[in-house]
Amino acid sequence: MFAKIAKFVKKREKLVLFVIVIVIALGFGITGSMIALLEDRGENAAGTIFGKKITKAEFTDVATRWAGYLALVDLNIQPMYRSWYYKNVPPLDMVGYLPASPMSIGESARFDSSRQYLEDLTWWVFVLMEECNQIGIRTEEKEVSEHIKNNIFAHLVSPEGDFNYEEYRVYVNQKLNITEAQFEKMISELLAIQKYRQLVNLAVAAPLDKVYEKYLEEQTKINLKCVVFDVDDYQAVPPGRDSEEIIQYFKNNQNKYRVDEKIQIEYLLADSETLKKKITEPSPEELDKYYKQHQDEYQITPPAGQLDQKPQYRPFDEVKESIKTRIISGRAMDLAEEEIRKVNQQITDLILERKTINLKQLAQDSGLVYSQTGFFNRERIAEIAGKEIGFSDGFEADIFNYPLKQISHTMQTSRGYLIFQVLAKQPGYLPKLTVQLKKNILQELKERKVRGLVKEAIDKLDRALKEKLDEKLKESTAAITPELKNNLSRQVFTSVTTEQHYKIVETGFVKKSGSLPVLKVGPDFLKKTFEIKEKGEWIRIEEPIEEPERCYLVQLIERLLPLEEDFDLHRAGLENQVRQSEYNEIFQKWLGDLREKANLQRSKG
């Protein structure tokens, strides 16, 4: 066996060395030496910001220590919370996309994605630190020391207040693959950047006029009259079963009837939910240690203008069960990864020994989940992911591109780690125009004609209402005021619809976020009706827009504004909503302005 392995490695030694480089980079972070090895030869400048040249040595120095920060995040933030962290925590929220999840895409693509992410993050650090220097934001050594001891490595502080420097040093050196000096420099930059970003946050206010506008939007009520046009109330004469209309409709809509490609797979899954049974509950000491180590996650956000106050945190007893769930879930996922690595090693050995790979047997031997699906198309991928294997971008993107009878690489899913192979494929095809298919097309044509009848009916009533209202306005001897037009519109709407034997449904007063039990309407119905400006005015609404099953003529009868004296009861919650909306808008504008101001020019090569 060892002779065969040696022969295999000898033939592919360049490939093996490259794979080793990739594995080291992904497992331990992209270090300065790694960046130096991988960077292309060329000019000494990595690029320029604010018109200043940044050398490759300077860029590598910053990239190295911030690779350590990404490693710190990767080690301490559970996968299920990592997406939120990257999207909300400065300066990661400025990069614009997430690093690829481990094993969710091909290893080379993962490496390229991680490298690109680190490069973009590093440039933002340069930009932000330049801004900090311009406005005089500094970080003192004491701040860095306290942040490390109190927020990152609180578990290394003894009850007597002593800090375990040796364990700290080992962790930073071996886990983050940087020196203590590099780590502390990175923390200094991180704190400065966060101070700078807090200044941006302080610029966000909730203008009183916008808060009151939000109050009116949420608390205003309207009363409506509706005429409902239901397709079930209309009949259409369908074409003959063998008519040319059916044949032509089939030709014009071939993609609609094409049978999609289908595949059948078998898979082996290291399911973290199943493996939770093997995880012992964390001890009170472990729960306390986790709470101290991740205390930043439980910090209570202070009100605007009070950011300099001492941080407040959610009590331990309040979050204890959540911490227990996190620890168990994380350990179950770690165990799933360990189990899948063992299976992967077995598969590698079998490949090298030219032996048959039996996923079912491997699953049984390892105590993992095995299953074989029926044939499914692309539309059912999400169903299979949701019910069986967990969600994975890599699985959904790659599954139909996999060759037959080839063992996949390991993919991480929301439930664990997956290995599969495609057992069979059925190509897509256009079916023949069978009797059953003709029946289906016949029903579709009938429904289309019915929808056409509905449209004709609503057009006819709409025209009749407008003509009658114009007639009434011309006959009026009084001055045409908004109030008079409103009264005439309401009279006309009732009289004309009654004459044409339509039933009117009155909704009663309802808010924009309310519901209409008297009508079967879609989610956008009330949003559209609240856009009616004048009382007495009517609009037409079709739901759904693509293939309406119901249409409506809707008239605004009354608009009831909320009481001004009740504003203070809702003000606090509305201010938070408006501030968040304002923040999103201001943040995006600030980000664009800063990007333009920095004028980053990356060197080619």
Foldseek 3Di string as FASTA:
>chain_A
DVVLVVVVCVVVVVVVVVVVLLCCCVQQHCALVNCVVPDDDDDQFQWFWLRHTDGPVNLSLLLRLVSLVVLLCVVQPFPVCSVVCQCPAPPSVLLPDDQDDPQLADSVVSSVSRVVSSSSNSVVLVLLVVVLVVVVQFDDLVNLVCCCCQAAVVVQQDPVGDGDVVVVQCCSCPRSVDGPVSNSVVSRSSVSSVVVVLVLLLVFFQDPVNLVVVVQQFPKWFKKKKFKQFLVVDFDDFDDLPDPVLVVVCVVPQVVQWFAKKFKKKKWFLFLVVQLVVDDFDDPVVLVSSCRNHQVVFWDDDPRPCVPDDIDGDDSVVCSVVSRVSVSSRVSQVVLVVLVVVLVVVVVVCVSVVHDDDSVVSCVVSVTDIDIDDMDGLVCPVVCQVPPHADGPSCSVCVVVADAPDWDGWRQHPGYIMIMGTHDMDHMGRDDCDSVVSVVSRVVSRLVVSVVVSVVVVVVLVVQLVVVLVVVVVPDPDDDDLVVSLVSLVVSNVVSCVVVPTDMDMQPIDRLPGDGPVDDDDNCVSVVVVPDDGASDWDKDFPPPVRGSMIMIMGTHDMGGDDPVCSVVCSVVSRVVSSVVSSVVSVVVVSVVSCVSRVITGDDD
